[in-house]
Amino acid sequence: MQKTKINPKEIFERNKEFGAKNSASMLTEIIESDTDTNKRKEAIKYLALISNNFMDIREECYEIFENLLISDDIVGIKCEAAKALGRIKHEKGLKPLKWVLEQKKVDNQIKLSALKALSKIRFQEPEIQLFINELENNSNAIKDFVTIQLLSLNPEELIGLLINSLEVKPFSNEHKAEIIKLIGYEVSSINVSYEDLSYIEVKYPELKTNLIEKKGLLLEVITLVLKEEDVDLLNSVITILNLIKEDIENDLIRLLLLDDFIVKKNAIILCGKLKLKKSVDLLIINLDNMYNEVSIASIEALGEIGDISAVPELLDILDIEDISFEYTDLDMKLYILDAIKKIYSSNQNASYEYLYASLKKDNNTIQESVAFILGEIGKNEFVKPLVELLDIRNLDIRKNTIIALGKVGDVGSINNLTTILEDDSSYWLIKKVAVDAIFNIIQTNWYKVKDGENEVKRLLSKEIARLIDHLGNKPEENFKVKISLIKLLETYGDKHALSALLNRVNDFHRVVRIRVSNAIKKIEERLELEN
């Protein structure tokens, strides 16, 4: 009894003096009778270490650890018992450890300790499957551990087992998604260039073969569980399918013919991400799907594929007479505009004649939409057709056209924009947009002024003088237009701008007065530095 009061660490350090069996008995007595949990845990730890060194007591120690894991009430003791089973690496320990993992309610600390112990004793297919079962665990610690442990396997073995589990296990969609993520992560981690051949094909030929053989299962699972907002899952899916793209292209496109809403939508998303040009015709058919989400997915997919032949079909969606379309289907319209922009971005040398021709259609929605697209693409060649569009009095068309000219940034359009500002019949919003567009154009070209390009300098100076004159002589101008003018002159105005700004110091609108004061101060500071 006296000896059992010795600290467990000291018993271990003096085990040769006490003898292995006697030391084990002393540690066992502490485990069974001491009330100090920490001391009991320490005794379990050193008992495992002793049993590793002396095989003749290993069996007896195993039984102690098994009993503690299954029967003790304290979580910390159960965890330490699991660790001990892992330390002694006795294959009989697999049974109680697996029993713990099979229980419906088990503390995550105990589960993590049991998983770690299992991996130390044996990590073959039965144990690997238990780890796959835990991929959906709500504990990040467990999820991270099983993921790391699984990734230590040979890629061919791991991916084979993961695919097999998808086939034979009734996992939830969330669990299947985690398996797909892990397959994608493994593929992406080893797929590097190797003398113009896929490294995977050279190093792990069975891996790709397995994916191809199970392509039907993979597509079935992926199109069911895919969520575009889950970026990790989407990236993994694209990584997997890119590896077997040629073998699944036709299978994936056939899914576009199904009636299942979820499968069809996800198949459309994948056709876009994989840039499957063969899917364009079916995607166009799905533009008019009864489900809005399918239509939008088709629009986005066409944008990502970048086939120029889809542009007329996309624009035709906007070619309607219902003037309320812009307000009832604005989201659809924005998706179309973005898709057309992406298509032309993918075809830098494409002709824009179809867009120019669309500007002449007697349809306000088409005209203002094409104006927006031209602004987003932003080429100087668009200035002439855009300027011609300014003659149309429709507010949305004029607004989008002016904004587009600002984005294109060609100085040749400033005169037209300033003329809009000076026109008393122009609506205040159009005037403000025109001033903002002029600001953008000046910003785009100001480096030419600094580089001494006299022609550009003269043109910009002339137009800025017109803006100064307008601000100084139009006290009745809308205050928002004045604020845009003040912002422009604050940045690019010289001493000639000060008189116009001073005319607005006592403006009726308080915000104008504040902005004017700030602008005068900044111009004066800039002039002082220049002198």
Protein backbone atom coordinates (compact mmCIF):
# COMPACT_ATOMS: atom_id res chain seq x y z
CA MET A 1 0.00 0.00 0.00
CA GLN A 2 2.87 2.37 0.74
CA LYS A 3 4.32 1.97 -2.73
CA THR A 4 1.08 2.97 -4.47
CA LYS A 5 1.43 6.46 -3.05
CA ILE A 6 4.43 7.02 -5.30
CA ASN A 7 3.84 9.31 -8.28
CA PRO A 8 3.03 7.30 -11.49
CA LYS A 9 5.94 8.88 -13.31
CA GLU A 10 8.36 7.80 -10.59
CA ILE A 11 6.95 4.26 -10.69
CA PHE A 12 7.66 4.16 -14.41
CA GLU A 13 11.17 5.57 -14.03
CA ARG A 14 11.96 3.01 -11.29
CA ASN A 15 10.20 0.03 -12.94
CA LYS A 16 13.48 -1.89 -13.24
CA GLU A 17 14.03 -1.45 -9.52
CA PHE A 18 10.46 -2.49 -8.63
CA GLY A 19 10.11 -5.04 -11.40
CA ALA A 20 7.71 -4.81 -14.34
CA LYS A 21 4.87 -6.80 -12.80
CA ASN A 22 5.10 -5.01 -9.47
CA SER A 23 5.22 -1.61 -11.22
CA ALA A 24 2.16 -2.57 -13.26
CA SER A 25 0.32 -3.61 -10.11
CA MET A 26 1.14 -0.30 -8.42
CA LEU A 27 -0.10 1.67 -11.43
CA THR A 28 -3.21 -0.51 -11.67
CA GLU A 29 -4.04 0.14 -8.03
CA ILE A 30 -3.84 3.90 -8.64
CA ILE A 31 -6.12 3.55 -11.68
CA GLU A 32 -8.71 1.52 -9.78
CA SER A 33 -8.71 3.20 -6.37
CA ASP A 34 -7.38 6.77 -6.61
CA THR A 35 -9.90 9.64 -6.72
CA ASP A 36 -7.59 12.09 -8.54
CA THR A 37 -8.55 11.91 -12.22
CA ASN A 38 -5.31 13.44 -13.44
CA LYS A 39 -3.29 10.94 -11.41
CA ARG A 40 -5.35 8.07 -12.83
CA LYS A 41 -4.80 9.35 -16.39
CA GLU A 42 -1.07 9.55 -15.74
CA ALA A 43 -1.08 6.01 -14.37
CA ILE A 44 -2.87 4.73 -17.51
CA LYS A 45 -0.27 6.43 -19.70
CA TYR A 46 2.72 4.89 -17.88
CA LEU A 47 1.07 1.50 -17.61
CA ALA A 48 0.79 1.45 -21.42
CA LEU A 49 4.45 2.39 -21.75
CA ILE A 50 5.50 -0.40 -19.40
CA SER A 51 3.35 -2.97 -21.18
CA ASN A 52 5.04 -2.03 -24.45
CA ASN A 53 8.42 -2.86 -22.94
CA PHE A 54 7.33 -6.07 -21.23
CA MET A 55 5.17 -8.28 -23.41
CA ASP A 56 4.38 -10.73 -20.58
CA ILE A 57 2.07 -8.17 -18.92
CA ARG A 58 0.64 -6.77 -22.19
CA GLU A 59 -2.46 -9.01 -22.18
CA GLU A 60 -3.41 -8.08 -18.63
CA CYS A 61 -2.90 -4.38 -19.37
CA TYR A 62 -5.05 -4.64 -22.50
CA GLU A 63 -7.97 -5.93 -20.44
CA ILE A 64 -7.61 -3.02 -18.02
CA PHE A 65 -7.64 -0.48 -20.83
CA GLU A 66 -10.59 -2.17 -22.57
CA ASN A 67 -12.62 -2.14 -19.36
CA LEU A 68 -11.84 1.53 -18.72
CA LEU A 69 -12.80 2.52 -22.28
CA ILE A 70 -16.12 0.74 -22.12
CA SER A 71 -17.15 1.08 -18.49
CA ASP A 72 -15.58 4.15 -16.86
CA ASP A 73 -17.82 7.19 -16.42
CA ILE A 74 -15.18 9.89 -16.82
CA VAL A 75 -14.54 11.20 -20.36
CA GLY A 76 -10.87 11.94 -19.67
CA ILE A 77 -10.27 8.38 -18.43
CA LYS A 78 -12.01 6.89 -21.48
CA CYS A 79 -9.86 9.06 -23.76
CA GLU A 80 -6.66 8.03 -21.97
CA ALA A 81 -7.69 4.37 -22.16
CA ALA A 82 -8.21 4.72 -25.93
CA LYS A 83 -4.78 6.32 -26.27
CA ALA A 84 -3.29 3.46 -24.25
CA LEU A 85 -4.81 0.89 -26.60
CA GLY A 86 -3.20 2.77 -29.46
CA ARG A 87 0.17 2.77 -27.68
CA ILE A 88 0.27 -0.96 -27.03
CA LYS A 89 -0.85 -1.69 -30.64
CA HIS A 90 -2.64 -4.88 -29.64
CA GLU A 91 -4.96 -5.95 -32.48
CA LYS A 92 -7.53 -7.06 -29.92
CA GLY A 93 -7.91 -3.33 -29.18
CA LEU A 94 -9.63 -2.85 -32.54
CA LYS A 95 -12.85 -4.42 -31.27
CA PRO A 96 -13.54 -2.09 -28.27
CA LEU A 97 -12.37 0.95 -30.24
CA LYS A 98 -14.76 0.15 -33.09
CA TRP A 99 -17.52 -0.56 -30.59
CA VAL A 100 -17.10 2.97 -29.24
CA LEU A 101 -17.33 4.46 -32.75
CA GLU A 102 -20.52 2.52 -33.49
CA GLN A 103 -22.40 4.01 -30.55
CA LYS A 104 -25.06 6.58 -31.52
CA LYS A 105 -24.12 8.97 -28.74
CA VAL A 106 -20.44 9.28 -27.96
CA ASP A 107 -18.45 12.29 -26.81
CA ASN A 108 -16.35 13.75 -29.64
CA GLN A 109 -13.23 13.72 -27.45
CA ILE A 110 -13.62 10.00 -26.93
CA LYS A 111 -14.35 9.47 -30.62
CA LEU A 112 -11.23 11.40 -31.66
CA SER A 113 -9.07 9.41 -29.22
CA ALA A 114 -10.54 6.15 -30.53
CA LEU A 115 -9.87 7.14 -34.15
CA LYS A 116 -6.27 8.06 -33.37
CA ALA A 117 -5.77 4.77 -31.55
CA LEU A 118 -7.27 2.79 -34.43
CA SER A 119 -4.89 4.40 -36.94
CA LYS A 120 -1.92 3.35 -34.80
CA ILE A 121 -3.02 -0.27 -34.41
CA ARG A 122 -4.10 -0.92 -38.00
CA PHE A 123 -5.24 1.19 -40.93
CA GLN A 124 -6.64 -1.12 -43.56
CA GLU A 125 -9.92 -1.15 -45.47
CA PRO A 126 -12.26 -1.82 -42.50
CA GLU A 127 -10.66 0.99 -40.49
CA ILE A 128 -10.46 3.29 -43.52
CA GLN A 129 -14.21 2.91 -44.00
CA LEU A 130 -14.77 4.03 -40.40
CA PHE A 131 -12.75 7.14 -41.17
CA ILE A 132 -14.78 7.79 -44.32
CA ASN A 133 -17.90 7.52 -42.16
CA GLU A 134 -16.65 10.45 -40.08
CA LEU A 135 -16.06 12.90 -42.96
CA GLU A 136 -19.34 14.63 -42.16
CA ASN A 137 -18.64 14.88 -38.42
CA ASN A 138 -19.66 18.25 -36.95
CA SER A 139 -16.39 18.40 -34.99
CA ASN A 140 -13.71 20.18 -37.01
CA ALA A 141 -11.01 18.38 -35.01
CA ILE A 142 -12.38 14.95 -35.99
CA LYS A 143 -13.08 15.98 -39.57
CA ASP A 144 -9.57 17.40 -39.99
CA PHE A 145 -7.92 14.35 -38.44
CA VAL A 146 -9.76 11.79 -40.56
CA THR A 147 -9.12 13.87 -43.69
CA ILE A 148 -5.38 14.06 -43.04
CA GLN A 149 -5.23 10.37 -42.21
CA LEU A 150 -7.11 9.41 -45.36
CA LEU A 151 -4.89 11.60 -47.52
CA SER A 152 -1.87 9.66 -46.25
CA LEU A 153 -3.05 6.69 -48.30
CA ASN A 154 -1.93 5.89 -51.82
CA PRO A 155 -4.13 8.06 -54.12
CA GLU A 156 -5.36 5.09 -56.15
CA GLU A 157 -6.35 3.20 -53.01
CA LEU A 158 -8.03 6.20 -51.38
CA ILE A 159 -10.05 7.28 -54.41
CA GLY A 160 -11.07 3.68 -55.09
CA LEU A 161 -12.39 3.30 -51.53
CA LEU A 162 -14.11 6.71 -51.59
CA ILE A 163 -15.92 5.91 -54.84
CA ASN A 164 -16.86 2.48 -53.53
CA SER A 165 -18.34 4.04 -50.38
CA LEU A 166 -20.52 6.27 -52.55
CA GLU A 167 -21.85 3.16 -54.24
CA VAL A 168 -22.57 0.98 -51.23
CA LYS A 169 -23.21 3.34 -48.31
CA PRO A 170 -26.53 5.16 -47.74
CA PHE A 171 -24.81 8.46 -46.97
CA SER A 172 -26.63 11.81 -46.77
CA ASN A 173 -26.11 14.31 -49.58
CA GLU A 174 -23.93 16.39 -47.25
CA HIS A 175 -21.75 13.35 -46.56
CA LYS A 176 -21.48 12.55 -50.26
CA ALA A 177 -20.44 16.15 -50.89
CA GLU A 178 -17.59 15.78 -48.38
CA ILE A 179 -16.41 12.62 -50.15
CA ILE A 180 -16.45 14.40 -53.52
CA LYS A 181 -14.44 17.26 -51.98
CA LEU A 182 -11.82 14.81 -50.74
CA ILE A 183 -11.56 13.08 -54.13
CA GLY A 184 -11.11 16.47 -55.81
CA TYR A 185 -8.54 17.57 -53.26
CA GLU A 186 -6.52 14.39 -53.79
CA VAL A 187 -6.67 14.73 -57.58
CA SER A 188 -5.65 18.41 -57.53
CA SER A 189 -2.75 17.70 -55.18
CA ILE A 190 -1.09 15.22 -57.57
CA ASN A 191 -2.16 16.43 -61.03
CA VAL A 192 0.92 18.30 -62.21
CA SER A 193 2.43 18.63 -65.67
CA TYR A 194 4.82 15.82 -66.63
CA GLU A 195 6.39 16.01 -70.09
CA ASP A 196 3.13 17.07 -71.75
CA LEU A 197 1.25 14.16 -70.16
CA SER A 198 -0.94 14.17 -67.12
CA TYR A 199 1.17 13.20 -64.12
CA ILE A 200 -1.77 11.19 -62.86
CA GLU A 201 -1.87 9.10 -66.04
CA VAL A 202 1.85 8.37 -65.70
CA LYS A 203 2.10 7.82 -61.96
CA TYR A 204 -1.38 6.58 -61.06
CA PRO A 205 -2.98 5.09 -64.19
CA GLU A 206 -5.56 3.07 -62.24
CA LEU A 207 -6.88 6.24 -60.61
CA LYS A 208 -8.14 7.73 -63.86
CA THR A 209 -9.36 4.33 -65.02
CA ASN A 210 -11.38 3.97 -61.83
CA LEU A 211 -12.93 7.43 -62.28
CA ILE A 212 -13.90 6.60 -65.86
CA GLU A 213 -15.37 3.22 -64.90
CA LYS A 214 -17.49 4.91 -62.23
CA LYS A 215 -18.34 8.02 -64.27
CA GLY A 216 -22.06 7.25 -64.18
CA LEU A 217 -22.06 7.03 -60.39
CA LEU A 218 -19.93 10.17 -60.08
CA LEU A 219 -22.21 12.23 -62.33
CA GLU A 220 -25.28 10.95 -60.51
CA VAL A 221 -23.89 11.96 -57.12
CA ILE A 222 -22.36 15.24 -58.28
CA THR A 223 -25.46 16.53 -60.07
CA LEU A 224 -27.51 15.69 -56.99
CA VAL A 225 -25.31 17.27 -54.31
CA LEU A 226 -23.69 20.18 -56.18
CA LYS A 227 -24.27 23.61 -54.67
CA GLU A 228 -22.73 26.49 -56.58
CA GLU A 229 -22.32 28.54 -53.42
CA ASP A 230 -20.11 25.79 -51.93
CA VAL A 231 -16.90 26.92 -53.63
CA ASP A 232 -14.77 24.08 -52.27
CA LEU A 233 -17.22 21.49 -53.56
CA LEU A 234 -17.51 23.17 -56.96
CA ASN A 235 -13.73 23.38 -57.34
CA SER A 236 -13.35 19.71 -56.43
CA VAL A 237 -16.03 18.68 -58.90
CA ILE A 238 -14.41 20.65 -61.73
CA THR A 239 -11.00 19.14 -60.87
CA ILE A 240 -12.41 15.61 -61.03
CA LEU A 241 -14.41 16.10 -64.21
CA ASN A 242 -11.61 17.95 -66.02
CA LEU A 243 -9.47 14.83 -65.58
CA ILE A 244 -12.06 12.68 -67.38
CA LYS A 245 -13.63 15.44 -69.47
CA GLU A 246 -13.49 13.64 -72.81
CA ASP A 247 -15.10 10.54 -71.32
CA ILE A 248 -18.00 12.28 -69.56
CA GLU A 249 -18.80 15.05 -72.04
CA ASN A 250 -21.62 13.24 -73.83
CA ASP A 251 -22.97 11.75 -70.58
CA LEU A 252 -23.13 15.19 -68.98
CA ILE A 253 -24.79 16.79 -72.01
CA ARG A 254 -27.47 14.06 -72.05
CA LEU A 255 -28.45 15.13 -68.54
CA LEU A 256 -29.64 18.43 -70.03
CA LEU A 257 -32.56 16.49 -71.53
CA LEU A 258 -33.86 15.27 -68.16
CA ASP A 259 -36.90 16.72 -66.46
CA ASP A 260 -35.35 16.59 -62.99
CA PHE A 261 -34.93 20.27 -62.06
CA ILE A 262 -31.95 19.88 -59.72
CA VAL A 263 -30.00 17.48 -61.94
CA LYS A 264 -30.61 19.59 -65.04
CA LYS A 265 -29.57 22.82 -63.36
CA ASN A 266 -26.37 21.31 -61.97
CA ALA A 267 -25.55 19.65 -65.29
CA ILE A 268 -25.93 23.04 -66.97
CA ILE A 269 -23.59 24.64 -64.43
CA LEU A 270 -21.00 21.93 -65.10
CA CYS A 271 -21.27 22.31 -68.88
CA GLY A 272 -20.43 25.98 -68.39
CA LYS A 273 -17.56 25.42 -65.98
CA LEU A 274 -16.07 22.73 -68.24
CA LYS A 275 -16.67 24.95 -71.32
CA LEU A 276 -18.38 22.19 -73.28
CA LYS A 277 -19.11 23.79 -76.67
CA LYS A 278 -21.10 20.74 -77.74
CA SER A 279 -23.69 21.67 -75.12
CA VAL A 280 -24.47 25.12 -76.59
CA ASP A 281 -27.54 24.03 -78.61
CA LEU A 282 -29.19 22.36 -75.62
CA LEU A 283 -28.31 25.30 -73.38
CA ILE A 284 -30.05 27.62 -75.83
CA ILE A 285 -33.14 25.41 -75.69
CA ASN A 286 -33.10 25.70 -71.91
CA LEU A 287 -33.04 29.50 -72.02
CA ASP A 288 -36.82 29.38 -72.07
CA ASN A 289 -37.21 26.80 -69.31
CA MET A 290 -40.24 26.93 -67.04
CA TYR A 291 -37.87 27.11 -64.06
CA ASN A 292 -36.22 30.50 -63.81
CA GLU A 293 -33.14 29.03 -62.13
CA VAL A 294 -32.56 26.69 -65.07
CA SER A 295 -32.82 29.59 -67.50
CA ILE A 296 -30.36 31.68 -65.50
CA ALA A 297 -27.94 28.75 -65.19
CA SER A 298 -28.12 28.32 -68.99
CA ILE A 299 -27.37 32.01 -69.54
CA GLU A 300 -24.36 31.87 -67.21
CA ALA A 301 -23.11 28.65 -68.82
CA LEU A 302 -23.26 30.18 -72.30
CA GLY A 303 -21.26 33.13 -71.01
CA GLU A 304 -18.58 30.86 -69.60
CA ILE A 305 -18.37 28.70 -72.74
CA GLY A 306 -17.91 31.86 -74.80
CA ASP A 307 -19.42 30.69 -78.10
CA ILE A 308 -20.19 33.81 -80.15
CA SER A 309 -23.09 32.05 -81.89
CA ALA A 310 -25.12 32.28 -78.68
CA VAL A 311 -25.22 36.10 -78.67
CA PRO A 312 -28.28 36.50 -80.95
CA GLU A 313 -30.24 33.99 -78.87
CA LEU A 314 -29.36 35.79 -75.66
CA LEU A 315 -30.29 39.21 -77.02
CA ASP A 316 -33.56 37.84 -78.38
CA ILE A 317 -34.67 37.23 -74.80
CA LEU A 318 -34.65 41.00 -74.34
CA ASP A 319 -36.45 41.68 -77.63
CA ILE A 320 -39.94 42.05 -76.18
CA GLU A 321 -42.54 44.76 -76.29
CA ASP A 322 -43.49 44.66 -72.62
CA ILE A 323 -42.12 47.91 -71.20
CA SER A 324 -42.41 46.55 -67.66
CA PHE A 325 -39.82 43.83 -68.43
CA GLU A 326 -36.94 45.82 -67.00
CA TYR A 327 -38.64 46.01 -63.64
CA THR A 328 -40.14 42.52 -63.46
CA ASP A 329 -37.14 40.56 -64.78
CA LEU A 330 -34.15 42.72 -63.96
CA ASP A 331 -32.09 39.81 -62.65
CA MET A 332 -32.51 37.88 -65.89
CA LYS A 333 -31.51 40.95 -67.87
CA LEU A 334 -28.32 41.44 -65.85
CA TYR A 335 -27.34 37.80 -66.30
CA ILE A 336 -27.79 38.15 -70.06
CA LEU A 337 -25.69 41.30 -70.24
CA ASP A 338 -22.92 39.72 -68.20
CA ALA A 339 -22.96 36.58 -70.34
CA ILE A 340 -22.68 38.53 -73.60
CA LYS A 341 -19.82 40.56 -72.14
CA LYS A 342 -18.00 37.34 -71.20
CA ILE A 343 -18.56 35.87 -74.64
CA TYR A 344 -16.95 38.85 -76.37
CA SER A 345 -14.15 38.89 -73.81
CA SER A 346 -13.40 35.31 -74.83
CA ASN A 347 -13.36 36.31 -78.50
CA GLN A 348 -11.14 39.37 -78.72
CA ASN A 349 -11.07 39.38 -82.52
CA ALA A 350 -14.80 38.89 -82.96
CA SER A 351 -16.84 41.23 -85.13
CA TYR A 352 -19.23 43.56 -83.33
CA GLU A 353 -21.48 44.05 -86.34
CA TYR A 354 -24.34 42.16 -84.73
CA LEU A 355 -24.28 44.51 -81.74
CA TYR A 356 -24.11 47.56 -84.01
CA ALA A 357 -27.10 46.25 -85.96
CA SER A 358 -29.00 45.67 -82.70
CA LEU A 359 -28.56 49.34 -81.83
CA LYS A 360 -30.76 50.16 -84.80
CA LYS A 361 -33.62 47.93 -83.66
CA ASP A 362 -36.81 49.70 -82.64
CA ASN A 363 -36.62 48.29 -79.13
CA ASN A 364 -35.58 50.41 -76.18
CA THR A 365 -34.54 47.46 -74.01
CA ILE A 366 -32.25 46.08 -76.73
CA GLN A 367 -30.71 49.49 -77.43
CA GLU A 368 -29.92 50.39 -73.84
CA SER A 369 -28.71 46.82 -73.15
CA VAL A 370 -26.31 46.84 -76.09
CA ALA A 371 -25.08 50.28 -75.05
CA PHE A 372 -24.31 48.84 -71.62
CA ILE A 373 -22.46 45.87 -73.16
CA LEU A 374 -20.35 48.12 -75.38
CA GLY A 375 -19.39 50.18 -72.35
CA GLU A 376 -18.36 47.06 -70.44
CA ILE A 377 -16.19 45.87 -73.33
CA GLY A 378 -14.84 49.41 -73.69
CA LYS A 379 -13.24 49.61 -77.13
CA ASN A 380 -12.60 52.95 -78.85
CA GLU A 381 -14.30 51.74 -82.01
CA PHE A 382 -17.62 51.89 -80.14
CA VAL A 383 -17.59 55.70 -79.87
CA LYS A 384 -19.25 56.39 -83.23
CA PRO A 385 -22.25 54.03 -82.84
CA LEU A 386 -22.69 55.15 -79.23
CA VAL A 387 -22.64 58.84 -80.10
CA GLU A 388 -25.31 58.19 -82.74
CA LEU A 389 -27.44 56.61 -80.02
CA LEU A 390 -27.43 59.87 -78.03
CA ASP A 391 -30.08 61.28 -80.38
CA ILE A 392 -32.66 58.87 -78.94
CA ARG A 393 -34.66 60.62 -76.21
CA ASN A 394 -35.40 57.53 -74.12
CA LEU A 395 -33.96 58.16 -70.64
CA ASP A 396 -32.52 54.67 -70.07
CA ILE A 397 -30.94 54.52 -73.51
CA ARG A 398 -29.30 57.93 -73.10
CA LYS A 399 -28.13 57.12 -69.57
CA ASN A 400 -26.54 53.79 -70.52
CA THR A 401 -25.00 55.30 -73.65
CA ILE A 402 -23.41 58.16 -71.71
CA ILE A 403 -22.08 55.77 -69.06
CA ALA A 404 -20.69 53.56 -71.84
CA LEU A 405 -18.87 56.50 -73.43
CA GLY A 406 -17.35 57.28 -70.05
CA LYS A 407 -16.11 53.72 -69.70
CA VAL A 408 -14.70 53.64 -73.22
CA GLY A 409 -12.76 56.78 -72.29
CA ASP A 410 -12.13 58.25 -75.74
CA VAL A 411 -11.62 62.03 -75.65
CA GLY A 412 -13.47 62.39 -78.92
CA SER A 413 -16.83 61.97 -77.18
CA ILE A 414 -16.36 64.74 -74.57
CA ASN A 415 -17.82 67.44 -76.83
CA ASN A 416 -21.06 65.46 -77.22
CA LEU A 417 -21.30 64.95 -73.46
CA THR A 418 -20.66 68.61 -72.66
CA THR A 419 -23.33 69.58 -75.18
CA ILE A 420 -25.82 67.40 -73.27
CA LEU A 421 -24.91 69.27 -70.08
CA GLU A 422 -25.43 72.66 -71.74
CA ASP A 423 -28.79 71.67 -73.19
CA ASP A 424 -31.47 73.22 -70.97
CA SER A 425 -33.95 70.54 -72.07
CA SER A 426 -31.76 67.70 -70.73
CA TYR A 427 -33.08 65.97 -67.63
CA TRP A 428 -30.93 66.57 -64.54
CA LEU A 429 -30.02 62.87 -64.17
CA ILE A 430 -28.74 62.75 -67.75
CA LYS A 431 -26.66 65.88 -67.08
CA LYS A 432 -25.16 64.40 -63.93
CA VAL A 433 -24.32 61.13 -65.70
CA ALA A 434 -22.72 63.15 -68.52
CA VAL A 435 -20.49 65.06 -66.08
CA ASP A 436 -19.47 61.82 -64.37
CA ALA A 437 -18.65 60.29 -67.77
CA ILE A 438 -16.53 63.33 -68.66
CA PHE A 439 -14.71 62.91 -65.34
CA ASN A 440 -13.93 59.28 -66.25
CA ILE A 441 -12.65 60.27 -69.68
CA ILE A 442 -10.39 62.98 -68.25
CA GLN A 443 -9.03 60.52 -65.68
CA THR A 444 -8.34 57.98 -68.42
CA ASN A 445 -6.45 60.50 -70.57
CA TRP A 446 -4.79 62.78 -68.02
CA TYR A 447 -1.47 60.95 -68.35
CA LYS A 448 -1.34 62.17 -71.95
CA VAL A 449 -1.53 65.75 -70.69
CA LYS A 450 1.37 65.06 -68.33
CA ASP A 451 3.28 63.44 -71.20
CA GLY A 452 2.95 66.66 -73.22
CA GLU A 453 0.46 65.55 -75.86
CA ASN A 454 -0.63 69.03 -76.87
CA GLU A 455 -3.67 68.07 -78.90
CA VAL A 456 -5.21 66.17 -76.00
CA LYS A 457 -4.23 68.95 -73.60
CA ARG A 458 -5.93 71.61 -75.76
CA LEU A 459 -9.09 69.52 -76.14
CA LEU A 460 -9.38 68.80 -72.42
CA SER A 461 -8.62 72.41 -71.48
CA LYS A 462 -11.36 73.58 -73.85
CA GLU A 463 -13.95 71.18 -72.41
CA ILE A 464 -12.99 71.94 -68.79
CA ALA A 465 -13.44 75.66 -69.61
CA ARG A 466 -16.99 74.90 -70.81
CA LEU A 467 -17.69 73.05 -67.56
CA ILE A 468 -16.35 75.98 -65.54
CA ASP A 469 -18.54 78.37 -67.49
CA HIS A 470 -21.62 76.20 -66.92
CA LEU A 471 -21.07 75.97 -63.17
CA GLY A 472 -20.44 79.69 -62.84
CA ASN A 473 -23.35 80.88 -64.96
CA LYS A 474 -26.10 78.39 -64.16
CA PRO A 475 -27.16 79.01 -60.55
CA GLU A 476 -30.50 77.28 -61.25
CA GLU A 477 -28.80 73.98 -62.18
CA ASN A 478 -29.80 70.89 -60.17
CA PHE A 479 -27.65 70.59 -57.03
CA LYS A 480 -26.55 67.02 -57.86
CA VAL A 481 -25.24 68.18 -61.23
CA LYS A 482 -23.38 71.01 -59.45
CA ILE A 483 -21.82 68.56 -57.01
CA SER A 484 -20.51 66.40 -59.88
CA LEU A 485 -19.06 69.50 -61.59
CA ILE A 486 -17.42 70.63 -58.34
CA LYS A 487 -15.88 67.17 -57.84
CA LEU A 488 -14.41 67.28 -61.36
CA LEU A 489 -13.01 70.80 -60.99
CA GLU A 490 -11.61 70.02 -57.55
CA THR A 491 -9.35 67.45 -59.24
CA TYR A 492 -8.67 69.00 -62.66
CA GLY A 493 -9.58 72.67 -62.32
CA ASP A 494 -6.94 75.42 -62.31
CA LYS A 495 -7.06 79.06 -61.22
CA HIS A 496 -9.75 79.75 -63.83
CA ALA A 497 -12.10 77.42 -61.96
CA LEU A 498 -11.90 79.48 -58.76
CA SER A 499 -14.18 82.26 -60.01
CA ALA A 500 -16.94 79.79 -60.96
CA LEU A 501 -16.58 78.04 -57.62
CA LEU A 502 -16.72 81.36 -55.76
CA ASN A 503 -20.04 82.05 -57.50
CA ARG A 504 -21.43 78.98 -55.75
CA VAL A 505 -20.08 79.76 -52.25
CA ASN A 506 -23.48 81.13 -51.22
CA ASP A 507 -25.49 78.51 -53.07
CA PHE A 508 -28.92 77.72 -51.69
CA HIS A 509 -28.05 74.06 -51.14
CA ARG A 510 -25.91 73.42 -48.06
CA VAL A 511 -24.05 70.43 -49.55
CA VAL A 512 -23.04 72.50 -52.57
CA ARG A 513 -21.63 75.21 -50.29
CA ILE A 514 -19.58 72.65 -48.34
CA ARG A 515 -18.24 70.95 -51.48
CA VAL A 516 -17.37 74.31 -53.06
CA SER A 517 -15.39 75.42 -50.01
CA ASN A 518 -13.43 72.16 -49.97
CA ALA A 519 -12.75 72.37 -53.71
CA ILE A 520 -11.48 75.97 -53.51
CA LYS A 521 -9.17 75.00 -50.68
CA LYS A 522 -7.71 72.03 -52.59
CA ILE A 523 -7.21 73.98 -55.81
CA GLU A 524 -5.45 76.77 -53.93
CA GLU A 525 -3.20 74.26 -52.19
CA ARG A 526 -2.39 72.61 -55.54
CA LEU A 527 -1.62 75.98 -57.18
CA GLU A 528 0.61 76.92 -54.27
CA LEU A 529 2.60 73.70 -54.65
CA GLU A 530 2.94 74.24 -58.40
CA ASN A 531 4.31 77.72 -57.84
